[in-house]
Protein backbone atom coordinates (compact mmCIF):
# COMPACT_ATOMS: atom_id res chain seq x y z
CA MET A 1 -16.01 -50.74 -28.42
CA ALA A 2 -18.33 -48.86 -26.16
CA VAL A 3 -17.40 -45.93 -24.04
CA THR A 4 -17.52 -46.81 -20.44
CA ARG A 5 -18.69 -44.32 -17.73
CA LEU A 6 -16.29 -43.37 -15.13
CA LYS A 7 -16.98 -44.60 -11.58
CA ARG A 8 -18.03 -42.00 -9.05
CA LYS A 9 -14.53 -41.82 -7.45
CA ASP A 10 -12.91 -41.48 -10.81
CA ARG A 11 -15.22 -38.76 -11.78
CA ARG A 12 -14.71 -36.95 -8.57
CA ASN A 13 -10.89 -37.20 -9.03
CA LYS A 14 -11.05 -35.85 -12.57
CA THR A 15 -13.02 -32.71 -11.48
CA PHE A 16 -10.82 -32.07 -8.52
CA ALA A 17 -7.71 -32.41 -10.74
CA LYS A 18 -9.28 -29.84 -13.17
CA GLN A 19 -9.97 -27.50 -10.26
CA GLU A 20 -6.46 -27.86 -8.92
CA VAL A 21 -4.95 -27.16 -12.33
CA LYS A 22 -7.21 -23.96 -12.72
CA HIS A 23 -6.25 -22.92 -9.10
CA LEU A 24 -2.48 -23.39 -9.92
CA LYS A 25 -2.76 -21.32 -12.96
CA LEU A 26 -4.52 -18.53 -11.23
CA ALA A 27 -2.06 -18.52 -8.25
CA THR A 28 1.20 -18.35 -10.25
CA ASN A 29 3.14 -15.33 -9.31
CA LEU A 30 4.21 -13.31 -12.32
CA GLU A 31 7.85 -12.26 -12.24
CA LEU A 32 8.87 -8.66 -12.99
CA GLY A 33 9.59 -8.21 -16.69
CA SER A 34 7.54 -11.14 -17.68
CA ARG A 35 5.63 -10.77 -21.05
CA SER A 36 2.24 -11.13 -19.34
CA LYS A 37 1.39 -8.26 -16.84
CA GLN A 38 -0.68 -8.99 -13.93
CA SER A 39 -3.98 -6.95 -14.21
CA ALA A 40 -5.10 -4.80 -11.40
CA LYS A 41 -8.60 -6.24 -11.52
CA ASP A 42 -7.09 -9.71 -10.95
CA GLN A 43 -8.29 -11.33 -7.77
CA LEU A 44 -4.79 -12.17 -6.62
CA ALA A 45 -3.91 -8.50 -7.07
CA LYS A 46 -6.87 -7.58 -4.90
CA ASN A 47 -6.04 -10.01 -2.17
CA ASN A 48 -2.40 -8.82 -2.12
CA ALA A 49 -3.60 -5.26 -1.75
CA VAL A 50 -5.79 -6.24 1.12
CA LEU A 51 -3.11 -8.24 2.85
CA ALA A 52 -0.56 -5.33 2.44
CA LYS A 53 -3.17 -2.99 3.96
CA LEU A 54 -3.70 -5.31 7.02
CA THR A 55 0.05 -5.74 7.54
CA ALA A 56 0.54 -2.03 7.49
CA GLN A 57 -2.25 -1.43 10.17
CA ALA A 58 -0.67 -4.16 12.52
């Protein structure tokens, strides 16, 4: 049986689903005491630092 190509809509949905999963994995908040520590170089940590700085100024 031949492999059929996905239609354009299905290909788009597949890529968006992949991106959403990737985004959700990156955006998960790490709890204190969890086995995986959040890196200071992580984009989420940088964003939080900038937000904290802005709220302190306001």
